[in-house]
Protein backbone atom coordinates (compact mmCIF):
# COMPACT_ATOMS: atom_id res chain seq x y z
CA MET A 1 -19.80 -4.60 -11.63
CA GLU A 2 -21.17 -0.80 -11.79
CA ILE A 3 -20.24 1.61 -9.73
CA LEU A 4 -22.19 4.22 -11.17
CA PRO A 5 -24.32 4.02 -14.34
CA GLY A 6 -22.01 3.58 -17.11
CA LEU A 7 -18.95 3.29 -15.07
CA SER A 8 -17.72 -0.45 -14.24
CA GLU A 9 -15.28 -0.88 -11.33
CA PRO A 10 -12.47 -1.87 -13.24
CA VAL A 11 -12.73 1.76 -15.26
CA LEU A 12 -13.12 3.33 -11.98
CA ARG A 13 -10.24 1.93 -10.60
CA PHE A 14 -8.03 2.36 -13.68
CA SER A 15 -8.93 6.02 -14.06
CA VAL A 16 -8.41 6.96 -10.28
CA PHE A 17 -4.97 5.18 -10.57
CA ALA A 18 -3.84 6.65 -13.43
CA GLY A 19 -5.07 9.84 -12.76
CA ILE A 20 -3.32 10.03 -9.44
CA LEU A 21 0.21 8.18 -10.90
CA ILE A 22 0.31 11.23 -13.53
CA ALA A 23 -0.33 13.82 -10.86
CA MET A 24 2.19 12.72 -8.56
CA ALA A 25 4.75 12.12 -11.28
CA LEU A 26 4.24 15.79 -12.55
CA VAL A 27 4.80 16.90 -8.82
CA GLU A 28 7.33 14.87 -8.22
CA LEU A 29 9.39 16.58 -11.53
CA ALA A 30 8.20 20.32 -10.13
CA ILE A 31 9.30 19.92 -5.99
CA PRO A 32 11.10 16.64 -5.91
CA ARG A 33 11.85 16.42 -2.20
CA ARG A 34 15.01 14.18 -2.66
CA LYS A 35 17.88 13.51 -5.27
CA LEU A 36 17.21 9.95 -6.75
CA SER A 37 20.47 7.85 -6.29
CA THR A 38 19.38 4.97 -9.24
CA PRO A 39 18.49 5.75 -12.70
CA LYS A 40 14.33 6.47 -12.77
CA PRO A 41 13.57 4.31 -16.22
CA ARG A 42 15.10 0.87 -15.21
CA ARG A 43 13.83 1.40 -11.74
CA TRP A 44 10.29 2.21 -12.95
CA LEU A 45 10.42 -0.36 -15.80
CA THR A 46 10.69 -3.03 -12.83
CA ASN A 47 8.22 -1.64 -10.22
CA PHE A 48 5.36 -1.11 -13.14
CA SER A 49 6.68 -4.65 -14.58
CA ILE A 50 5.88 -5.99 -10.87
CA VAL A 51 2.76 -4.23 -10.55
CA ALA A 52 1.35 -5.79 -14.19
CA LEU A 53 2.45 -8.77 -12.66
CA ASP A 54 0.49 -8.05 -9.22
CA THR A 55 -2.85 -7.22 -11.51
CA LEU A 56 -2.55 -10.78 -13.43
CA VAL A 57 -2.52 -12.62 -10.28
CA VAL A 58 -5.53 -11.14 -8.56
CA ARG A 59 -7.29 -11.51 -11.64
CA LEU A 60 -6.76 -15.27 -11.80
CA MET A 61 -7.30 -15.64 -8.27
CA GLY A 62 -10.91 -14.10 -9.56
CA ALA A 63 -11.30 -16.04 -12.53
CA LEU A 64 -10.34 -19.30 -10.58
CA ALA A 65 -12.83 -18.94 -7.83
CA VAL A 66 -15.74 -16.01 -8.02
CA PRO A 67 -15.36 -14.75 -4.05
CA LEU A 68 -11.40 -14.85 -4.29
CA VAL A 69 -11.43 -11.12 -4.47
CA ALA A 70 -12.47 -9.10 -2.06
CA VAL A 71 -15.34 -7.40 -4.04
CA ALA A 72 -16.40 -10.67 -5.22
CA ALA A 73 -16.69 -11.75 -1.40
CA ALA A 74 -18.43 -8.90 -0.83
CA VAL A 75 -21.18 -9.66 -3.10
CA TYR A 76 -21.36 -13.19 -2.24
CA CYS A 77 -21.82 -12.21 1.29
CA GLU A 78 -24.40 -9.97 0.74
CA THR A 79 -26.41 -12.50 -1.37
CA ASN A 80 -25.83 -15.18 1.37
CA GLY A 81 -26.63 -13.08 4.34
CA LEU A 82 -22.77 -13.36 5.65
CA GLY A 83 -20.98 -10.92 7.84
CA LEU A 84 -21.84 -8.48 10.86
CA PHE A 85 -22.97 -5.91 8.59
CA ASN A 86 -25.75 -8.10 6.89
CA ILE A 87 -26.92 -9.74 10.18
CA VAL A 88 -27.30 -6.20 11.72
CA ASP A 89 -29.49 -3.52 10.99
CA TRP A 90 -27.69 -0.42 11.24
CA PRO A 91 -27.99 2.46 8.90
CA GLN A 92 -26.22 2.07 5.34
CA TRP A 93 -23.83 4.95 6.32
CA LEU A 94 -22.35 3.76 9.32
CA GLU A 95 -21.97 0.83 8.25
CA PHE A 96 -19.89 2.26 5.16
CA ILE A 97 -17.71 4.34 7.17
CA LEU A 98 -17.15 1.57 9.77
CA ALA A 99 -15.98 -0.84 6.83
CA LEU A 100 -13.52 1.88 5.73
CA LEU A 101 -12.46 2.19 9.36
CA VAL A 102 -11.66 -1.30 9.81
CA PHE A 103 -10.30 -1.89 6.88
CA ASP A 104 -7.61 0.65 7.08
CA LEU A 105 -6.84 -0.61 10.49
CA ALA A 106 -6.80 -4.24 9.30
CA ILE A 107 -3.76 -2.92 6.52
CA TRP A 108 -2.23 -1.40 9.27
CA PHE A 109 -2.35 -4.48 11.08
CA GLN A 110 -0.95 -6.70 8.28
CA HIS A 111 1.82 -4.02 7.47
CA PHE A 112 3.11 -4.60 11.27
CA VAL A 113 2.86 -8.25 10.75
CA SER A 114 4.85 -8.26 7.54
CA HIS A 115 7.52 -6.46 9.44
CA LYS A 116 7.36 -8.85 12.55
CA VAL A 117 6.97 -12.24 11.13
CA PRO A 118 10.15 -13.64 9.31
CA ILE A 119 8.21 -15.31 6.23
CA PHE A 120 6.23 -12.23 5.47
CA TRP A 121 8.93 -9.74 6.18
CA GLN A 122 10.85 -11.94 3.26
CA LEU A 123 8.00 -10.95 0.86
CA HIS A 124 7.93 -7.61 2.16
CA GLN A 125 11.64 -6.85 1.51
CA VAL A 126 10.92 -6.69 -2.03
CA HIS A 127 9.15 -3.03 -1.40
CA HIS A 128 11.88 -2.06 0.90
CA ALA A 129 14.59 -3.01 -1.09
CA ASP A 130 13.60 0.00 -3.80
CA ARG A 131 16.70 2.19 -2.69
CA ASP A 132 14.50 5.47 -4.25
CA ILE A 133 11.24 6.31 -2.59
CA ASP A 134 8.58 7.64 -5.66
CA VAL A 135 5.54 7.20 -6.59
CA SER A 136 6.40 3.78 -8.37
CA THR A 137 7.44 2.47 -4.85
CA ALA A 138 3.96 2.23 -3.91
CA ILE A 139 3.02 -0.15 -6.83
CA ARG A 140 6.46 -2.28 -5.92
CA PHE A 141 5.01 -5.67 -4.16
CA HIS A 142 5.89 -9.00 -4.59
CA PRO A 143 2.88 -10.77 -6.21
CA VAL A 144 3.13 -13.30 -3.51
CA GLU A 145 2.56 -10.64 -0.64
CA ILE A 146 -0.43 -9.22 -3.21
CA ALA A 147 -2.00 -12.79 -3.05
CA LEU A 148 -2.04 -13.03 0.27
CA SER A 149 -3.40 -9.23 1.13
CA MET A 150 -6.14 -10.45 -1.28
CA LEU A 151 -6.80 -13.27 0.95
CA TRP A 152 -6.51 -11.29 4.19
CA LYS A 153 -9.06 -8.90 2.74
CA ILE A 154 -11.39 -11.30 1.82
CA VAL A 155 -11.21 -12.95 5.46
CA LEU A 156 -12.08 -9.30 6.48
CA VAL A 157 -15.13 -9.31 4.08
CA PHE A 158 -16.29 -12.55 5.52
CA VAL A 159 -16.23 -11.21 8.96
CA PHE A 160 -17.95 -8.05 8.62
CA GLY A 161 -20.00 -8.47 5.32
CA PRO A 162 -19.03 -4.84 4.16
CA SER A 163 -20.96 -3.74 1.11
CA ALA A 164 -19.32 -4.41 -2.53
CA LEU A 165 -19.39 -0.08 -2.89
CA ALA A 166 -17.55 0.07 0.48
CA VAL A 167 -14.61 -2.24 -0.42
CA VAL A 168 -14.38 -0.80 -3.90
CA VAL A 169 -13.96 2.78 -2.14
CA PHE A 170 -11.44 1.52 0.31
CA GLU A 171 -9.18 -0.10 -2.17
CA VAL A 172 -9.55 2.70 -4.55
CA ILE A 173 -8.52 5.19 -1.51
CA LEU A 174 -5.96 2.97 -0.13
CA ASN A 175 -4.14 3.20 -3.56
CA GLY A 176 -4.10 6.66 -3.96
CA CYS A 177 -2.83 7.23 -0.76
CA ALA A 178 -0.28 5.15 -1.22
CA MET A 179 1.16 6.80 -4.37
CA PHE A 180 0.46 10.08 -2.66
CA ASN A 181 2.82 9.06 0.56
CA HIS A 182 5.40 7.36 -1.14
CA ALA A 183 5.66 10.40 -3.62
CA ASN A 184 9.17 12.15 -3.82
CA ILE A 185 7.26 15.60 -3.26
CA ALA A 186 8.29 18.32 -0.94
CA LEU A 187 5.37 19.86 0.62
CA PRO A 188 5.64 23.04 2.78
CA ALA A 189 6.21 22.07 6.42
CA TRP A 190 3.08 23.84 7.38
CA LEU A 191 0.97 21.73 5.23
CA ASP A 192 2.70 18.57 5.99
CA LYS A 193 2.17 19.27 9.60
CA LEU A 194 -1.78 19.72 8.99
CA LEU A 195 -2.23 16.94 6.87
CA ARG A 196 -0.45 14.39 9.20
CA ILE A 197 -3.00 15.21 12.04
CA PHE A 198 -5.09 13.05 9.74
CA VAL A 199 -3.54 10.96 6.84
CA VAL A 200 0.13 9.89 6.29
CA THR A 201 2.16 12.47 4.35
CA PRO A 202 5.02 11.74 2.61
CA ASP A 203 7.47 12.82 4.89
CA MET A 204 5.97 10.44 7.69
CA HIS A 205 5.97 7.30 5.28
CA ARG A 206 9.67 8.11 3.81
CA VAL A 207 10.73 7.58 7.42
CA HIS A 208 9.38 4.17 7.22
CA HIS A 209 11.61 3.77 4.13
CA SER A 210 15.01 4.36 6.24
CA VAL A 211 17.52 1.68 6.36
CA ILE A 212 17.65 2.03 10.36
CA ARG A 213 16.00 -0.79 11.87
CA ARG A 214 13.81 1.69 14.37
CA GLU A 215 12.75 3.87 11.52
CA HIS A 216 11.46 1.47 9.34
CA ASP A 217 9.65 -0.42 12.03
CA SER A 218 7.83 2.68 12.82
CA ASN A 219 5.03 4.53 10.62
CA TYR A 220 3.12 1.57 9.20
CA GLY A 221 -0.19 3.68 7.99
CA PHE A 222 -1.11 4.02 4.53
CA ASN A 223 -4.22 6.06 4.97
CA LEU A 224 -4.75 7.63 8.39
CA SER A 225 -2.01 8.47 10.57
CA VAL A 226 -3.99 7.77 13.91
CA TRP A 227 -3.11 4.01 13.94
CA ASP A 228 0.69 4.73 14.65
CA ARG A 229 0.00 7.29 17.13
CA LEU A 230 -2.65 5.10 19.15
CA PHE A 231 0.10 2.31 18.96
CA GLY A 232 3.31 3.90 19.77
CA THR A 233 4.73 3.11 16.40
CA TYR A 234 5.14 7.04 15.30
CA THR A 235 8.29 8.51 14.42
CA ALA A 236 7.93 12.15 13.52
CA GLN A 237 11.33 12.52 11.34
CA PRO A 238 14.39 10.64 10.41
CA GLU A 239 17.40 10.45 12.22
CA LYS A 240 19.65 12.44 9.76
CA GLY A 241 16.97 14.06 7.99
CA HIS A 242 14.92 13.61 4.78
CA GLU A 243 17.72 14.54 2.21
CA GLY A 244 20.56 12.69 4.69
CA MET A 245 18.77 9.73 4.96
CA THR A 246 19.61 6.72 3.49
CA ILE A 247 16.69 4.90 1.81
CA GLY A 248 16.28 0.78 1.06
CA LEU A 249 18.05 -2.04 3.13
CA SER A 250 21.27 -1.89 4.35
CA SER A 251 22.33 -5.39 2.29
CA TYR A 252 21.30 -4.17 -0.75
CA GLN A 253 22.93 -0.75 -1.43
CA SER A 254 23.36 -1.67 -5.12
CA ALA A 255 21.67 -1.84 -8.57
CA SER A 256 20.23 -5.06 -7.73
CA PRO A 257 16.93 -3.77 -6.62
CA THR A 258 16.26 -2.10 -10.25
CA LYS A 259 16.52 -5.76 -11.53
CA LEU A 260 13.16 -7.36 -11.97
CA LEU A 261 14.22 -10.79 -11.92
CA TRP A 262 16.39 -10.41 -8.95
CA SER A 263 13.70 -8.40 -7.41
CA LEU A 264 10.98 -11.29 -7.70
CA ALA A 265 13.74 -14.14 -6.40
CA LEU A 266 14.52 -11.76 -3.42
CA PRO A 267 12.18 -13.70 -0.90
CA PHE A 268 13.46 -16.72 -1.58
CA ARG A 269 17.24 -16.16 -1.10
CA SER A 270 18.72 -17.18 2.19
CA ARG A 271 19.72 -13.93 3.77
CA SER A 272 17.43 -11.48 5.15
CA ASP A 273 18.02 -7.85 5.43
CA ASN A 274 16.14 -6.40 8.98
CA ASP A 275 18.83 -4.44 10.21
């Protein structure tokens, strides 16, 4: 699928992903917020291996059945007149904006549910088990969770019928914002205060990765900060401060989360850390 003349969807996605990843990694080196507690090379090897597996899973879903990726589902719905936006005759710009808002709220809700429903928490623990939080944490999600997330987006596509362009733009924004708000960067206090009126900042999302239950059960947003304020799940700052807080899960404060096979097997272990 071409987004712009001569620019395919995969090229756009990878270009934006690589550009933001490199930019955030360089900013982390220049102005780090916290000192990392585990060796970065080992963590990054595991986290990037996980995202490689995630990408393979999504591509396999698309290869096995065309509608089983959100963009392909959007094309299918548009062709067959399925979904709200393919039924009503609203301005395209309005449908585009509504699609971005609906999908952002839906991802907030998905994240909320992943903390509240035990079977989903088992999968989501892989993300939270990382004992440090930096740009690589943004891509550390178990392949099964990624597959379920894609299915959730496909359901939304069939209900609302957004354009394929809106789906691509949303997914690019989601990935970019996730890398930004997971980044280990020290923004000036005034800039963080200004930005978090609209979007989730690194300091805001870092609270969500605290070992303290009431803190990691807050700040679920990835893009817009409004949803946490609206639904009463907003926590401004961590109890022990950003330098003093402990990141990860209390049961897994060891080198284990830096290991690939351990991380992939974590959801299938009997013990669940949700304290």
